N, C-alpha and C. Protein backbone atom coordinates (compact mmCIF):
# COMPACT_ATOMS: atom_id res chain seq x y z
N UNK A 1 -7.08 20.17 1.58
CA UNK A 1 -6.20 19.77 1.65
C UNK A 1 -4.64 19.53 0.97
N UNK A 2 -3.43 19.38 1.33
CA UNK A 2 -2.43 19.56 1.41
C UNK A 2 -1.91 17.95 0.21
N UNK A 3 -1.67 18.31 -0.92
CA UNK A 3 -0.95 16.69 -1.54
C UNK A 3 0.66 17.13 -1.10
N UNK A 4 1.23 16.24 -0.43
CA UNK A 4 3.07 16.02 -0.91
C UNK A 4 3.12 15.35 -1.22
N UNK A 5 4.17 15.35 -2.45
CA UNK A 5 4.97 14.50 -3.54
C UNK A 5 5.68 13.65 -2.69
N UNK A 6 5.77 12.51 -2.42
CA UNK A 6 7.20 12.19 -1.84
C UNK A 6 7.50 11.40 -2.69
N UNK A 7 7.81 10.84 -4.17
CA UNK A 7 8.03 10.27 -5.17
C UNK A 7 7.40 10.83 -6.40
N UNK A 8 8.57 12.03 -6.64
CA UNK A 8 8.28 12.08 -8.61
C UNK A 8 9.13 12.07 -9.19
N UNK A 9 8.32 11.87 -10.76
CA UNK A 9 9.44 11.07 -11.85
C UNK A 9 8.90 10.08 -12.19
N UNK A 10 9.27 9.08 -12.83
CA UNK A 10 9.09 8.04 -13.58
C UNK A 10 10.25 6.78 -13.22
N UNK A 11 9.02 5.97 -12.91
CA UNK A 11 10.05 4.49 -13.06
C UNK A 11 10.86 4.23 -11.99
N UNK A 12 10.44 4.89 -10.53
CA UNK A 12 11.07 4.88 -9.61
C UNK A 12 11.46 3.57 -9.48
N UNK A 13 12.77 3.16 -8.93
CA UNK A 13 13.19 2.28 -7.74
C UNK A 13 12.53 1.42 -6.77
N UNK A 14 12.43 0.49 -6.77
CA UNK A 14 11.60 -0.23 -5.43
C UNK A 14 12.28 -1.49 -4.94
N UNK A 15 12.28 -2.02 -3.63
CA UNK A 15 11.89 -1.00 -2.51
C UNK A 15 12.35 0.21 -2.35
N UNK A 16 10.74 1.90 -1.76
CA UNK A 16 11.09 2.41 -2.25
C UNK A 16 10.46 3.21 -0.26
N UNK A 17 10.97 3.29 0.23
CA UNK A 17 10.58 4.03 1.87
C UNK A 17 10.93 5.77 1.81
N UNK A 18 9.35 6.10 2.19
CA UNK A 18 9.38 7.42 2.72
C UNK A 18 8.67 7.96 4.20
N UNK A 19 9.06 8.53 4.82
CA UNK A 19 8.49 8.81 5.98
C UNK A 19 7.03 9.88 5.96
N UNK A 20 6.49 10.15 6.84
CA UNK A 20 5.23 9.81 6.54
C UNK A 20 4.32 10.82 8.09
N UNK A 21 3.61 10.63 7.69
CA UNK A 21 2.64 11.49 8.73
C UNK A 21 0.90 11.15 8.20
N UNK A 22 0.26 10.30 9.01
CA UNK A 22 -0.94 10.42 8.48
C UNK A 22 -2.45 10.13 9.73
N UNK A 23 -3.18 10.72 9.43
CA UNK A 23 -4.31 11.05 10.10
C UNK A 23 -5.77 10.49 9.43
N UNK A 24 -6.80 10.79 10.12
CA UNK A 24 -8.11 10.61 9.33
C UNK A 24 -8.00 11.60 8.38
N UNK A 25 -8.21 11.20 7.00
CA UNK A 25 -8.76 12.03 5.79
C UNK A 25 -7.42 11.74 4.99
N UNK A 26 -6.45 11.48 5.32
CA UNK A 26 -5.28 11.24 4.71
C UNK A 26 -5.60 10.70 3.55
N UNK A 27 -4.73 10.50 2.44
CA UNK A 27 -5.06 9.57 1.17
C UNK A 27 -3.68 9.04 0.87
N UNK A 28 -3.10 8.15 0.47
CA UNK A 28 -1.39 7.29 0.30
C UNK A 28 -2.10 7.25 -1.49
N UNK A 29 -1.68 7.97 -2.37
CA UNK A 29 -1.87 7.29 -3.74
C UNK A 29 -0.42 6.41 -4.32
N UNK A 30 -0.56 5.35 -5.16
CA UNK A 30 0.16 4.80 -5.66
C UNK A 30 0.66 4.60 -6.69
N UNK A 31 1.33 5.10 -7.83
CA UNK A 31 1.00 4.78 -9.38
C UNK A 31 1.86 4.09 -9.78
N UNK A 32 1.65 2.74 -10.77
CA UNK A 32 2.93 1.61 -11.26
C UNK A 32 2.31 1.09 -12.14
N UNK A 33 3.45 -0.15 -12.46
CA UNK A 33 2.73 -1.08 -13.79
C UNK A 33 3.28 -2.61 -13.03
N UNK A 34 2.85 -3.87 -13.30
CA UNK A 34 3.20 -4.85 -12.89
C UNK A 34 4.56 -4.94 -14.05
N UNK A 35 5.68 -5.16 -13.53
CA UNK A 35 7.04 -5.51 -14.30
C UNK A 35 6.85 -6.85 -14.75
N UNK A 36 6.65 -8.02 -14.37
CA UNK A 36 6.61 -9.45 -14.70
C UNK A 36 5.18 -9.57 -15.52
N UNK A 37 4.86 -10.73 -16.28
CA UNK A 37 3.24 -10.77 -16.49
C UNK A 37 2.92 -11.83 -15.41
N UNK A 38 1.45 -12.24 -15.39
CA UNK A 38 1.08 -12.50 -13.97
C UNK A 38 1.30 -13.88 -14.15
N UNK A 39 1.76 -14.71 -15.07
CA UNK A 39 1.97 -15.80 -15.28
C UNK A 39 3.42 -16.60 -14.23
N UNK A 40 3.95 -15.43 -14.29
CA UNK A 40 5.46 -15.33 -13.41
C UNK A 40 4.82 -15.26 -11.77
N UNK A 41 4.06 -15.20 -11.25
CA UNK A 41 3.00 -14.93 -10.13
C UNK A 41 4.15 -13.52 -9.24
N UNK A 42 3.76 -12.31 -10.31
CA UNK A 42 4.46 -10.84 -9.80
C UNK A 42 3.70 -10.72 -8.31
N UNK A 43 4.17 -9.70 -7.56
CA UNK A 43 3.66 -9.05 -6.38
C UNK A 43 3.83 -7.30 -5.86
N UNK A 44 3.12 -6.60 -5.03
CA UNK A 44 3.01 -5.69 -5.15
C UNK A 44 2.80 -5.09 -3.57
N UNK A 45 3.68 -5.00 -2.84
CA UNK A 45 3.60 -4.51 -1.48
C UNK A 45 3.45 -3.70 -0.84
N UNK A 46 2.62 -2.64 -0.14
CA UNK A 46 2.58 -1.46 0.98
C UNK A 46 2.18 -1.88 2.12
N UNK A 47 3.94 -1.30 3.02
CA UNK A 47 3.81 -1.15 4.22
C UNK A 47 3.63 0.00 4.88
N UNK A 48 2.79 0.00 6.01
CA UNK A 48 2.50 1.32 7.10
C UNK A 48 2.71 1.31 7.87
N UNK A 49 4.98 1.46 8.30
CA UNK A 49 5.26 1.24 9.64
C UNK A 49 5.05 2.01 10.41
N UNK A 50 5.28 1.68 11.58
CA UNK A 50 5.23 2.79 12.57
C UNK A 50 6.62 3.12 13.28
N UNK A 51 7.28 2.82 12.78
CA UNK A 51 8.41 4.19 13.31
C UNK A 51 9.23 4.09 11.39
N UNK A 52 10.49 4.01 11.68
CA UNK A 52 11.29 4.66 10.04
C UNK A 52 12.30 3.79 10.06
N UNK A 53 11.93 2.81 10.33
CA UNK A 53 12.66 1.17 10.06
C UNK A 53 12.11 -0.31 9.41
N UNK A 54 12.60 -1.09 8.46
CA UNK A 54 11.46 -2.50 7.98
C UNK A 54 11.25 -3.04 9.65
N UNK A 55 12.12 -2.84 10.40
CA UNK A 55 11.70 -4.24 11.27
C UNK A 55 10.53 -3.45 12.15
N UNK A 56 10.35 -2.08 12.20
CA UNK A 56 9.30 -1.72 12.81
C UNK A 56 8.43 -2.54 12.52
N UNK A 57 6.68 -1.94 13.69
CA UNK A 57 5.68 -2.49 13.54
C UNK A 57 5.30 -2.00 12.43
N UNK A 58 4.13 -3.44 12.04
CA UNK A 58 3.49 -2.96 10.42
C UNK A 58 1.71 -1.85 11.15
N UNK A 59 1.39 -1.21 10.67
CA UNK A 59 -0.09 -0.71 11.32
C UNK A 59 -1.09 -1.21 9.70
N UNK A 60 0.01 -1.27 8.29
CA UNK A 60 -1.61 -1.95 7.50
C UNK A 60 -0.08 -2.34 6.21
N UNK A 61 -0.39 -4.15 6.39
CA UNK A 61 0.22 -4.28 4.85
C UNK A 61 -0.76 -4.58 3.98
N UNK A 62 -0.45 -4.52 2.92
CA UNK A 62 -1.19 -4.54 1.90
C UNK A 62 -0.44 -5.41 0.87
N UNK A 63 -0.71 -6.33 0.22
CA UNK A 63 0.35 -7.35 -0.98
C UNK A 63 -0.45 -7.99 -1.37
N UNK A 64 -0.26 -7.84 -2.65
CA UNK A 64 -1.10 -7.84 -4.01
C UNK A 64 -0.02 -9.34 -4.74
N UNK A 65 -0.73 -10.58 -4.96
CA UNK A 65 -0.72 -11.56 -5.64
C UNK A 65 -1.01 -11.49 -7.16
N UNK A 66 -0.72 -10.86 -7.76
CA UNK A 66 -1.20 -10.19 -8.93
C UNK A 66 -1.54 -11.28 -10.07
N UNK A 67 -3.00 -11.28 -10.35
CA UNK A 67 -3.95 -12.40 -10.52
C UNK A 67 -4.65 -13.70 -9.78
N UNK A 68 -4.64 -13.84 -8.53
CA UNK A 68 -4.42 -14.40 -7.69
C UNK A 68 -5.27 -13.79 -6.52
N UNK A 69 -4.49 -13.09 -5.55
CA UNK A 69 -5.40 -12.61 -4.14
C UNK A 69 -4.66 -11.36 -3.57
N UNK A 70 -4.99 -11.07 -2.57
CA UNK A 70 -4.70 -9.91 -1.92
C UNK A 70 -4.98 -9.94 -0.32
N UNK A 71 -3.89 -10.01 0.02
CA UNK A 71 -3.72 -10.71 1.72
C UNK A 71 -3.29 -8.71 2.29
N UNK A 72 -4.88 -8.66 3.32
CA UNK A 72 -3.96 -7.68 4.65
C UNK A 72 -3.40 -7.87 5.43
N UNK A 73 -2.87 -7.63 6.34
CA UNK A 73 -2.40 -7.91 7.76
C UNK A 73 -2.07 -6.77 8.63
N UNK A 74 -1.47 -6.99 9.80
CA UNK A 74 -0.75 -6.36 10.71
C UNK A 74 -0.16 -7.00 11.14
N UNK A 75 1.83 -6.41 11.98
CA UNK A 75 2.33 -7.13 12.48
C UNK A 75 3.31 -6.22 13.56
N UNK A 76 2.88 -7.14 15.09
CA UNK A 76 3.02 -6.10 16.10
C UNK A 76 3.97 -6.70 16.60
N UNK A 77 5.16 -6.56 17.68
CA UNK A 77 5.87 -7.26 17.98
C UNK A 77 6.51 -8.27 17.42
N UNK A 78 6.87 -8.14 16.05
CA UNK A 78 7.49 -8.93 15.11
C UNK A 78 6.61 -10.62 14.65
N UNK A 79 5.23 -10.20 15.38
CA UNK A 79 3.95 -11.36 15.16
C UNK A 79 3.23 -11.00 14.06
N UNK A 80 2.82 -11.47 13.00
CA UNK A 80 1.76 -11.66 12.55
C UNK A 80 0.89 -11.72 12.52
N UNK A 81 -0.47 -10.99 12.02
CA UNK A 81 -1.74 -10.88 13.67
C UNK A 81 -2.77 -12.00 12.29
N UNK A 82 -4.14 -11.83 12.37
CA UNK A 82 -5.12 -12.28 11.77
C UNK A 82 -4.98 -11.87 10.03
N UNK A 83 -4.74 -12.77 9.45
CA UNK A 83 -4.65 -11.83 7.80
C UNK A 83 -6.02 -12.70 7.24
N UNK A 84 -6.63 -10.77 6.28
CA UNK A 84 -7.53 -11.00 5.63
C UNK A 84 -7.36 -11.42 4.35
N UNK A 85 -8.05 -12.13 3.55
CA UNK A 85 -7.64 -12.39 2.46
C UNK A 85 -8.77 -12.33 1.57
N UNK A 86 -8.62 -11.75 0.33
CA UNK A 86 -9.28 -11.48 -1.04
C UNK A 86 -9.03 -11.49 -2.15
N UNK A 87 -10.31 -12.36 -2.62
CA UNK A 87 -9.88 -12.84 -4.26
C UNK A 87 -10.15 -11.90 -5.32
N UNK A 88 -10.68 -11.14 -5.31
CA UNK A 88 -10.88 -10.00 -6.00
C UNK A 88 -9.10 -9.45 -6.01
N UNK A 89 -9.27 -9.05 -7.68
CA UNK A 89 -7.85 -8.82 -8.05
C UNK A 89 -8.65 -7.84 -9.18
N UNK A 90 -8.66 -6.84 -9.25
CA UNK A 90 -8.90 -5.74 -10.47
C UNK A 90 -7.78 -5.44 -11.30
N UNK A 91 -6.26 -6.16 -10.96
CA UNK A 91 -5.04 -5.19 -11.42
C UNK A 91 -5.38 -6.01 -13.02
N UNK A 92 -4.84 -5.37 -14.17
CA UNK A 92 -5.06 -5.79 -15.37
C UNK A 92 -3.46 -5.90 -15.72
N UNK A 93 -3.01 -7.83 -15.93
CA UNK A 93 -1.87 -7.80 -16.89
C UNK A 93 -0.69 -6.53 -17.58
N UNK A 94 0.23 -6.29 -17.33
CA UNK A 94 0.72 -5.17 -17.81
C UNK A 94 0.15 -4.09 -18.05
N UNK A 95 -1.09 -4.12 -17.59
CA UNK A 95 -1.31 -2.55 -17.72
C UNK A 95 -1.34 -1.43 -15.61
N UNK A 96 -0.81 -0.32 -16.73
CA UNK A 96 -0.59 0.32 -15.41
C UNK A 96 -1.53 0.88 -13.87
N UNK A 97 -1.61 0.91 -13.01
CA UNK A 97 -3.09 1.00 -11.64
C UNK A 97 -2.84 1.99 -11.13
N UNK A 98 -3.94 2.50 -10.74
CA UNK A 98 -3.46 3.65 -9.43
C UNK A 98 -4.06 3.14 -8.12
N UNK A 99 -3.43 2.81 -6.69
CA UNK A 99 -4.18 2.40 -5.89
C UNK A 99 -4.06 3.41 -5.10
N UNK A 100 -5.02 3.36 -4.04
CA UNK A 100 -5.71 4.66 -3.18
C UNK A 100 -5.61 4.24 -1.79
N UNK A 101 -5.10 4.33 -0.63
CA UNK A 101 -5.42 4.30 0.39
C UNK A 101 -5.95 4.96 1.20
N UNK A 102 -7.51 5.28 1.55
CA UNK A 102 -7.80 6.37 2.74
C UNK A 102 -7.73 6.06 3.64
N UNK A 103 -7.16 6.87 4.76
CA UNK A 103 -7.69 6.62 6.08
C UNK A 103 -8.85 7.40 6.52
N UNK A 104 -9.28 6.46 7.29
CA UNK A 104 -11.18 6.58 7.59
C UNK A 104 -10.49 6.91 9.21
N UNK A 105 -11.56 6.69 10.04
CA UNK A 105 -12.21 6.95 11.17
C UNK A 105 -11.91 5.47 11.52
N UNK A 106 -11.89 4.40 11.32
CA UNK A 106 -11.79 2.88 12.04
C UNK A 106 -11.32 1.94 10.47
N UNK A 107 -10.81 2.66 9.88
CA UNK A 107 -10.36 2.01 8.78
C UNK A 107 -9.72 2.53 7.29
N UNK A 108 -9.09 1.05 6.91
CA UNK A 108 -7.88 1.76 5.09
C UNK A 108 -8.86 1.34 4.33
N UNK A 109 -9.20 2.74 3.32
CA UNK A 109 -10.20 1.84 2.00
C UNK A 109 -9.67 2.14 0.99
N UNK A 110 -9.78 0.85 0.65
CA UNK A 110 -8.16 0.75 -0.68
C UNK A 110 -9.39 0.96 -1.74
N UNK A 111 -8.76 1.44 -3.23
CA UNK A 111 -9.40 1.53 -4.02
C UNK A 111 -8.32 1.39 -5.30
N UNK A 112 -8.97 0.47 -6.19
CA UNK A 112 -8.11 0.12 -6.96
C UNK A 112 -8.85 1.36 -8.68
N UNK A 113 -7.86 1.94 -8.83
CA UNK A 113 -8.37 2.18 -10.60
C UNK A 113 -9.69 3.25 -10.16
N UNK A 114 -9.71 3.78 -9.37
CA UNK A 114 -11.27 4.65 -9.24
C UNK A 114 -12.32 3.91 -8.44
N UNK A 115 -11.89 1.99 -8.01
CA UNK A 115 -13.11 1.72 -7.67
C UNK A 115 -13.10 1.04 -6.39
N UNK A 116 -13.49 1.37 -5.49
CA UNK A 116 -13.23 0.83 -3.56
C UNK A 116 -13.65 -0.72 -4.01
N UNK A 117 -12.07 -1.34 -3.65
CA UNK A 117 -11.92 -2.54 -3.62
C UNK A 117 -11.89 -3.07 -2.20
N UNK A 118 -11.43 -2.92 -0.94
CA UNK A 118 -11.06 -3.56 0.73
C UNK A 118 -11.06 -2.73 1.31
N UNK A 119 -11.10 -3.12 2.22
CA UNK A 119 -11.67 -2.17 3.56
C UNK A 119 -10.63 -2.81 4.87
N UNK A 120 -10.01 -2.52 5.43
CA UNK A 120 -9.21 -3.22 6.57
C UNK A 120 -9.13 -2.92 7.77
N UNK A 121 -9.48 -3.12 9.04
CA UNK A 121 -9.63 -2.38 10.07
C UNK A 121 -8.41 -1.77 10.85
N UNK A 122 -8.46 -0.46 11.62
CA UNK A 122 -7.24 -0.17 12.22
C UNK A 122 -6.64 -0.88 13.14
N UNK A 123 -6.22 -1.41 13.52
CA UNK A 123 -5.18 -2.24 14.22
C UNK A 123 -4.17 -1.63 15.49
N UNK A 124 -3.77 -0.34 14.53
CA UNK A 124 -3.52 0.19 15.24
C UNK A 124 -3.92 2.12 14.92
N UNK A 125 -4.15 3.13 16.30
CA UNK A 125 -3.53 4.16 15.35
C UNK A 125 -3.58 5.07 14.21
N UNK A 126 -4.11 5.49 12.91
CA UNK A 126 -3.02 6.13 12.04
C UNK A 126 -1.71 6.65 12.30
N UNK A 127 -1.95 7.92 13.48
CA UNK A 127 -0.98 8.55 13.68
C UNK A 127 -0.06 8.13 14.19
N UNK A 128 0.37 6.69 14.52
CA UNK A 128 0.95 6.02 14.55
C UNK A 128 2.06 5.46 13.65
N UNK A 129 1.66 5.80 12.05
CA UNK A 129 2.63 5.43 11.42
C UNK A 129 3.35 6.44 11.03
N UNK A 130 5.03 6.37 10.89
CA UNK A 130 5.63 7.17 10.49
C UNK A 130 6.26 6.96 8.70
N UNK A 131 6.04 5.79 8.40
CA UNK A 131 7.15 5.48 6.94
C UNK A 131 5.83 4.75 5.66
N UNK A 132 5.84 4.89 4.96
CA UNK A 132 5.11 4.40 3.85
C UNK A 132 6.55 3.49 2.97
N UNK A 133 6.33 1.80 2.86
CA UNK A 133 7.37 1.60 1.90
C UNK A 133 6.67 0.64 1.00
N UNK A 134 6.78 0.66 0.09
CA UNK A 134 6.74 0.42 -1.33
C UNK A 134 7.36 -0.83 -1.60
N UNK A 135 7.20 -2.40 -2.30
CA UNK A 135 8.18 -3.01 -2.97
C UNK A 135 7.55 -3.84 -3.57
N UNK A 136 8.25 -4.93 -4.20
CA UNK A 136 8.10 -5.88 -5.29
C UNK A 136 7.65 -6.01 -6.18
N UNK A 137 7.47 -6.36 -7.72
CA UNK A 137 7.57 -6.75 -8.63
C UNK A 137 6.78 -5.66 -9.74
N UNK A 138 6.75 -4.18 -9.25
CA UNK A 138 6.27 -3.08 -10.39
C UNK A 138 7.38 -2.00 -10.36
N UNK A 139 6.98 -1.35 -11.89
CA UNK A 139 7.83 -0.10 -11.43
C UNK A 139 6.42 0.91 -11.31
N UNK A 140 7.57 1.70 -10.46
CA UNK A 140 6.98 2.12 -9.46
C UNK A 140 6.98 4.29 -10.66
N UNK A 141 5.42 4.54 -10.60
CA UNK A 141 5.30 5.83 -11.40
C UNK A 141 5.58 7.30 -10.55
N UNK A 142 4.72 6.76 -9.76
CA UNK A 142 4.61 7.80 -8.74
C UNK A 142 4.11 7.60 -6.94
N UNK A 143 4.41 8.34 -6.03
CA UNK A 143 3.51 8.22 -4.76
C UNK A 143 2.96 9.37 -4.32
N UNK A 144 2.53 9.83 -3.41
CA UNK A 144 1.90 10.92 -2.59
C UNK A 144 1.20 10.55 -1.91
N UNK A 145 0.94 11.92 -0.54
CA UNK A 145 -0.01 11.43 0.07
C UNK A 145 -0.40 13.04 0.50
N UNK A 146 -2.08 12.69 0.35
CA UNK A 146 -2.38 13.95 0.28
C UNK A 146 -3.02 14.04 1.88
N UNK A 147 -2.57 14.90 2.87
CA UNK A 147 -3.51 14.99 4.26
C UNK A 147 -3.98 16.29 4.27
């Protein structure tokens, strides 16, 4: 597997976007820390866009409401589709995290700190994904793609 670092360094600004090429077997890893206490309702958002602009379709939308829930969805032709919501939120207040999104044949599998937590079925073929965007209330340490 080839590792392509797309955000070297520490404490990078968000939102952060990078062009990518995904296929079955790819893995996107995001490392960071929530910048606000959970009592202030911070969020983390990772979007897999089908073009290199923010207004494009979103093949996979992953949003963490720290301390509350995780929402997964997709956006097609400007419309959000059926949302999947999970109340299992394994992130810890003020602690660094490692989020790994693995591309499997039929779904994305999401792990937090090495533990599989979520699955989301493909609504677009992974090869349609052209850009990853990370945003919201996190201090971003690194992001890389393994193909």
